[in-house]
């Protein structure tokens, strides 16, 4: 049974790596919008549980959800960790409160990412555990949208320098909305 689990992870890893032969490293800069701007920016055409993507920021993605411009923040993890610290749990809960307004026909993709340390198989498994930790918070806080988990392992770095600060930026969970 243990061998079956290991083979499954290996096959998944091969599928992920062969399907993604090109790596894009995009690092966007936050546009500096204050919380007051976010709270007052509205679009009355999107008030039925729908959304539209606006832009990427260094610490998350901006969406228009139910007429409100909101930032869905990335959730960061410690080295070799997938459990949520109190700060991470607060960030995930805050994201859940924003995402709970979505229609149930919306899909929230939760992407687990890791730094470059560890084997590919280990990193894909760790990325999946990180994504699942965040999913549990979303579900327990009222998100009724479809939630899919995707582990990118170390294949989606936002920083490629060989420093501790850079590696910390890569240990994250991101959210992406789709219909």
C-alpha atoms as a PDB file:
ATOM      1  CA  UNK A   1       0.000   0.000   0.000  1.00  0.00           C
ATOM      2  CA  UNK A   2       2.873   2.337   0.828  1.00  0.00           C
ATOM      3  CA  UNK A   3       4.451   1.639  -2.580  1.00  0.00           C
ATOM      4  CA  UNK A   4       1.157   2.526  -4.283  1.00  0.00           C
ATOM      5  CA  UNK A   5       1.167   5.928  -2.555  1.00  0.00           C
ATOM      6  CA  UNK A   6       4.775   6.576  -3.560  1.00  0.00           C
ATOM      7  CA  UNK A   7       4.089   5.564  -7.172  1.00  0.00           C
ATOM      8  CA  UNK A   8       1.025   7.825  -7.242  1.00  0.00           C
ATOM      9  CA  UNK A   9       3.105  10.799  -6.133  1.00  0.00           C
ATOM     10  CA  UNK A  10       5.780   9.961  -8.713  1.00  0.00           C
ATOM     11  CA  UNK A  11       3.224   9.734 -11.527  1.00  0.00           C
ATOM     12  CA  UNK A  12       1.615  13.005 -10.425  1.00  0.00           C
ATOM     13  CA  UNK A  13       5.043  14.619 -10.332  1.00  0.00           C
ATOM     14  CA  UNK A  14       5.803  13.414 -13.853  1.00  0.00           C
ATOM     15  CA  UNK A  15       2.489  14.720 -15.128  1.00  0.00           C
ATOM     16  CA  UNK A  16       3.086  18.101 -13.538  1.00  0.00           C
ATOM     17  CA  UNK A  17       6.664  18.438 -14.771  1.00  0.00           C
ATOM     18  CA  UNK A  18       6.033  17.199 -18.306  1.00  0.00           C
ATOM     19  CA  UNK A  19       2.990  19.434 -18.669  1.00  0.00           C
ATOM     20  CA  UNK A  20       4.878  22.525 -17.549  1.00  0.00           C
ATOM     21  CA  UNK A  21       8.038  22.736 -19.594  1.00  0.00           C
ATOM     22  CA  UNK A  22       8.198  26.523 -19.426  1.00  0.00           C
ATOM     23  CA  UNK A  23       8.544  28.366 -16.140  1.00  0.00           C
ATOM     24  CA  UNK A  24       7.271  31.917 -15.917  1.00  0.00           C
ATOM     25  CA  UNK A  25       8.356  33.991 -12.977  1.00  0.00           C
ATOM     26  CA  UNK A  26       6.050  36.963 -12.567  1.00  0.00           C
ATOM     27  CA  UNK A  27       6.547  39.327  -9.702  1.00  0.00           C
ATOM     28  CA  UNK A  28       4.031  42.122  -9.567  1.00  0.00           C
ATOM     29  CA  UNK A  29       4.244  45.109  -7.269  1.00  0.00           C
ATOM     30  CA  UNK A  30       1.312  46.058  -5.052  1.00  0.00           C
ATOM     31  CA  UNK A  31      -0.358  49.173  -6.365  1.00  0.00           C
ATOM     32  CA  UNK A  32      -0.411  50.632  -2.860  1.00  0.00           C
ATOM     33  CA  UNK A  33      -4.200  50.829  -2.501  1.00  0.00           C
ATOM     34  CA  UNK A  34      -5.169  51.556   1.059  1.00  0.00           C
ATOM     35  CA  UNK A  35      -7.902  49.718   2.971  1.00  0.00           C
ATOM     36  CA  UNK A  36     -10.104  52.817   2.624  1.00  0.00           C
ATOM     37  CA  UNK A  37      -9.784  52.651  -1.172  1.00  0.00           C
ATOM     38  CA  UNK A  38     -10.620  48.955  -1.151  1.00  0.00           C
ATOM     39  CA  UNK A  39     -13.715  49.485   0.970  1.00  0.00           C
ATOM     40  CA  UNK A  40     -15.032  52.343  -1.179  1.00  0.00           C
ATOM     41  CA  UNK A  41     -14.227  50.942  -4.628  1.00  0.00           C
ATOM     42  CA  UNK A  42     -17.410  49.371  -5.917  1.00  0.00           C
ATOM     43  CA  UNK A  43     -18.959  48.198  -9.146  1.00  0.00           C
ATOM     44  CA  UNK A  44     -22.720  47.837  -8.967  1.00  0.00           C
ATOM     45  CA  UNK A  45     -22.798  45.490 -11.968  1.00  0.00           C
ATOM     46  CA  UNK A  46     -21.197  42.699  -9.889  1.00  0.00           C
ATOM     47  CA  UNK A  47     -23.471  42.183  -6.883  1.00  0.00           C
ATOM     48  CA  UNK A  48     -24.892  38.733  -7.543  1.00  0.00           C
ATOM     49  CA  UNK A  49     -22.087  36.595  -6.135  1.00  0.00           C
ATOM     50  CA  UNK A  50     -19.980  36.957  -9.266  1.00  0.00           C
ATOM     51  CA  UNK A  51     -16.445  38.238  -9.601  1.00  0.00           C
ATOM     52  CA  UNK A  52     -13.923  39.634 -12.010  1.00  0.00           C
ATOM     53  CA  UNK A  53     -10.147  39.449 -11.814  1.00  0.00           C
ATOM     54  CA  UNK A  54      -8.417  42.804 -11.603  1.00  0.00           C
ATOM     55  CA  UNK A  55      -4.657  42.496 -11.094  1.00  0.00           C
ATOM     56  CA  UNK A  56      -1.896  40.658  -9.301  1.00  0.00           C
ATOM     57  CA  UNK A  57      -0.074  42.133  -6.345  1.00  0.00           C
ATOM     58  CA  UNK A  58       3.122  40.977  -4.656  1.00  0.00           C
ATOM     59  CA  UNK A  59       1.158  39.599  -1.711  1.00  0.00           C
ATOM     60  CA  UNK A  60      -2.032  38.390  -3.411  1.00  0.00           C
ATOM     61  CA  UNK A  61      -4.564  38.967  -6.187  1.00  0.00           C
ATOM     62  CA  UNK A  62      -7.118  41.762  -6.532  1.00  0.00           C
ATOM     63  CA  UNK A  63     -10.675  40.798  -7.476  1.00  0.00           C
ATOM     64  CA  UNK A  64     -13.987  42.577  -7.764  1.00  0.00           C
ATOM     65  CA  UNK A  65     -16.399  40.429  -5.729  1.00  0.00           C
ATOM     66  CA  UNK A  66     -20.008  41.541  -5.324  1.00  0.00           C
ATOM     67  CA  UNK A  67     -19.059  45.050  -6.364  1.00  0.00           C
ATOM     68  CA  UNK A  68     -16.210  45.356  -3.856  1.00  0.00           C
ATOM     69  CA  UNK A  69     -12.518  45.483  -4.746  1.00  0.00           C
ATOM     70  CA  UNK A  70     -10.820  42.977  -2.447  1.00  0.00           C
ATOM     71  CA  UNK A  71      -7.321  41.567  -2.040  1.00  0.00           C
ATOM     72  CA  UNK A  72      -7.147  37.799  -1.619  1.00  0.00           C
ATOM     73  CA  UNK A  73      -3.806  37.464   0.138  1.00  0.00           C
ATOM     74  CA  UNK A  74      -1.239  34.709  -0.217  1.00  0.00           C
ATOM     75  CA  UNK A  75      -0.738  32.597   2.903  1.00  0.00           C
ATOM     76  CA  UNK A  76       2.897  31.937   3.812  1.00  0.00           C
ATOM     77  CA  UNK A  77       4.406  28.975   5.660  1.00  0.00           C
ATOM     78  CA  UNK A  78       7.552  28.195   7.603  1.00  0.00           C
ATOM     79  CA  UNK A  79      10.292  25.893   6.383  1.00  0.00           C
ATOM     80  CA  UNK A  80       9.013  22.313   6.059  1.00  0.00           C
ATOM     81  CA  UNK A  81       5.634  23.331   7.590  1.00  0.00           C
ATOM     82  CA  UNK A  82       2.050  22.994   6.451  1.00  0.00           C
ATOM     83  CA  UNK A  83       0.207  23.845   9.638  1.00  0.00           C
ATOM     84  CA  UNK A  84      -1.232  27.341   9.975  1.00  0.00           C
ATOM     85  CA  UNK A  85       0.244  29.713  12.537  1.00  0.00           C
ATOM     86  CA  UNK A  86      -2.162  32.153  14.190  1.00  0.00           C
ATOM     87  CA  UNK A  87      -1.159  34.865  11.681  1.00  0.00           C
ATOM     88  CA  UNK A  88      -1.659  32.487   8.739  1.00  0.00           C
ATOM     89  CA  UNK A  89      -5.004  31.310  10.100  1.00  0.00           C
ATOM     90  CA  UNK A  90      -6.154  34.933  10.471  1.00  0.00           C
ATOM     91  CA  UNK A  91      -5.129  35.687   6.872  1.00  0.00           C
ATOM     92  CA  UNK A  92      -6.882  32.531   5.588  1.00  0.00           C
ATOM     93  CA  UNK A  93     -10.016  33.384   7.613  1.00  0.00           C
ATOM     94  CA  UNK A  94      -9.993  36.933   6.240  1.00  0.00           C
ATOM     95  CA  UNK A  95      -9.730  35.500   2.706  1.00  0.00           C
ATOM     96  CA  UNK A  96     -12.613  33.125   3.491  1.00  0.00           C
ATOM     97  CA  UNK A  97     -14.856  35.999   4.568  1.00  0.00           C
ATOM     98  CA  UNK A  98     -14.265  37.671   1.192  1.00  0.00           C
ATOM     99  CA  UNK A  99     -14.661  34.447  -0.809  1.00  0.00           C
ATOM    100  CA  UNK A 100     -17.831  33.342   0.998  1.00  0.00           C
ATOM    101  CA  UNK A 101     -19.799  35.856  -1.106  1.00  0.00           C
ATOM    102  CA  UNK A 102     -19.056  33.922  -4.306  1.00  0.00           C
ATOM    103  CA  UNK A 103     -21.611  31.853  -6.202  1.00  0.00           C
ATOM    104  CA  UNK A 104     -21.418  28.110  -5.767  1.00  0.00           C
ATOM    105  CA  UNK A 105     -20.649  27.732  -9.486  1.00  0.00           C
ATOM    106  CA  UNK A 106     -17.339  29.569  -9.015  1.00  0.00           C
ATOM    107  CA  UNK A 107     -14.144  27.559  -8.551  1.00  0.00           C
ATOM    108  CA  UNK A 108     -11.449  28.650  -6.139  1.00  0.00           C
ATOM    109  CA  UNK A 109      -8.156  27.032  -7.080  1.00  0.00           C
ATOM    110  CA  UNK A 110      -5.846  26.792  -4.088  1.00  0.00           C
ATOM    111  CA  UNK A 111      -2.220  26.454  -5.211  1.00  0.00           C
ATOM    112  CA  UNK A 112       0.360  25.057  -2.784  1.00  0.00           C
ATOM    113  CA  UNK A 113       3.965  26.128  -3.400  1.00  0.00           C
ATOM    114  CA  UNK A 114       7.279  25.245  -1.777  1.00  0.00           C
ATOM    115  CA  UNK A 115      10.863  26.407  -1.822  1.00  0.00           C
ATOM    116  CA  UNK A 116      13.514  24.459  -3.709  1.00  0.00           C
ATOM    117  CA  UNK A 117      14.642  22.352  -0.739  1.00  0.00           C
ATOM    118  CA  UNK A 118      13.669  18.690  -0.803  1.00  0.00           C
ATOM    119  CA  UNK A 119      12.924  16.234  -3.570  1.00  0.00           C
ATOM    120  CA  UNK A 120      10.303  16.935  -6.212  1.00  0.00           C
ATOM    121  CA  UNK A 121       8.027  14.253  -4.751  1.00  0.00           C
ATOM    122  CA  UNK A 122       8.360  15.636  -1.234  1.00  0.00           C
ATOM    123  CA  UNK A 123       7.692  19.202  -2.404  1.00  0.00           C
ATOM    124  CA  UNK A 124       4.582  18.218  -4.371  1.00  0.00           C
ATOM    125  CA  UNK A 125       3.237  16.426  -1.297  1.00  0.00           C
ATOM    126  CA  UNK A 126       4.085  19.394   0.970  1.00  0.00           C
ATOM    127  CA  UNK A 127       2.447  21.837  -1.458  1.00  0.00           C
ATOM    128  CA  UNK A 128      -0.713  19.723  -1.407  1.00  0.00           C
ATOM    129  CA  UNK A 129      -0.741  19.652   2.409  1.00  0.00           C
ATOM    130  CA  UNK A 130      -0.379  23.440   2.504  1.00  0.00           C
ATOM    131  CA  UNK A 131      -3.229  23.896   0.029  1.00  0.00           C
ATOM    132  CA  UNK A 132      -5.402  21.517   2.044  1.00  0.00           C
ATOM    133  CA  UNK A 133      -4.727  23.430   5.296  1.00  0.00           C
ATOM    134  CA  UNK A 134      -6.021  26.592   3.659  1.00  0.00           C
ATOM    135  CA  UNK A 135      -8.983  24.770   2.079  1.00  0.00           C
ATOM    136  CA  UNK A 136     -10.085  23.545   5.516  1.00  0.00           C
ATOM    137  CA  UNK A 137     -10.230  27.148   6.752  1.00  0.00           C
ATOM    138  CA  UNK A 138     -12.168  28.268   3.671  1.00  0.00           C
ATOM    139  CA  UNK A 139     -14.756  25.495   4.029  1.00  0.00           C
ATOM    140  CA  UNK A 140     -15.147  25.936   7.791  1.00  0.00           C
ATOM    141  CA  UNK A 141     -15.743  29.667   7.261  1.00  0.00           C
ATOM    142  CA  UNK A 142     -18.591  29.405   4.789  1.00  0.00           C
ATOM    143  CA  UNK A 143     -17.029  29.286   1.330  1.00  0.00           C
ATOM    144  CA  UNK A 144     -19.514  27.358  -0.808  1.00  0.00           C
ATOM    145  CA  UNK A 145     -17.672  27.760  -4.105  1.00  0.00           C
ATOM    146  CA  UNK A 146     -15.991  24.693  -5.554  1.00  0.00           C
ATOM    147  CA  UNK A 147     -12.479  24.411  -4.150  1.00  0.00           C
ATOM    148  CA  UNK A 148      -9.798  22.557  -6.056  1.00  0.00           C
ATOM    149  CA  UNK A 149      -6.322  21.854  -4.750  1.00  0.00           C
ATOM    150  CA  UNK A 150      -3.232  22.107  -6.916  1.00  0.00           C
ATOM    151  CA  UNK A 151       0.310  21.448  -5.782  1.00  0.00           C
ATOM    152  CA  UNK A 152       2.991  23.193  -7.788  1.00  0.00           C
ATOM    153  CA  UNK A 153       5.797  22.095  -5.490  1.00  0.00           C
ATOM    154  CA  UNK A 154       8.892  24.128  -6.247  1.00  0.00           C
ATOM    155  CA  UNK A 155       7.990  24.719  -9.907  1.00  0.00           C
ATOM    156  CA  UNK A 156       6.438  28.181  -9.437  1.00  0.00           C
ATOM    157  CA  UNK A 157       8.939  30.383  -7.593  1.00  0.00           C
ATOM    158  CA  UNK A 158       8.326  34.109  -7.265  1.00  0.00           C
ATOM    159  CA  UNK A 159      11.927  34.630  -6.197  1.00  0.00           C
ATOM    160  CA  UNK A 160      15.002  32.780  -7.434  1.00  0.00           C
ATOM    161  CA  UNK A 161      17.798  34.226  -5.301  1.00  0.00           C
ATOM    162  CA  UNK A 162      19.608  31.819  -3.001  1.00  0.00           C
ATOM    163  CA  UNK A 163      18.639  33.568   0.257  1.00  0.00           C
ATOM    164  CA  UNK A 164      16.426  32.725   3.229  1.00  0.00           C
ATOM    165  CA  UNK A 165      14.147  35.701   2.521  1.00  0.00           C
ATOM    166  CA  UNK A 166      13.681  34.587  -1.059  1.00  0.00           C
ATOM    167  CA  UNK A 167      12.934  30.975  -0.116  1.00  0.00           C
ATOM    168  CA  UNK A 168      10.349  32.227   2.415  1.00  0.00           C
ATOM    169  CA  UNK A 169       8.466  34.019  -0.396  1.00  0.00           C
ATOM    170  CA  UNK A 170       8.161  30.732  -2.280  1.00  0.00           C
ATOM    171  CA  UNK A 171       6.588  28.829   0.653  1.00  0.00           C
ATOM    172  CA  UNK A 172       3.031  29.986   0.055  1.00  0.00           C
ATOM    173  CA  UNK A 173      -0.522  29.219  -0.941  1.00  0.00           C
ATOM    174  CA  UNK A 174      -2.179  31.312  -3.650  1.00  0.00           C
ATOM    175  CA  UNK A 175      -5.847  31.549  -4.678  1.00  0.00           C
ATOM    176  CA  UNK A 176      -7.236  31.875  -8.195  1.00  0.00           C
ATOM    177  CA  UNK A 177     -10.894  32.289  -9.085  1.00  0.00           C
ATOM    178  CA  UNK A 178     -12.490  30.849 -12.214  1.00  0.00           C
ATOM    179  CA  UNK A 179     -15.983  30.113 -13.520  1.00  0.00           C
END
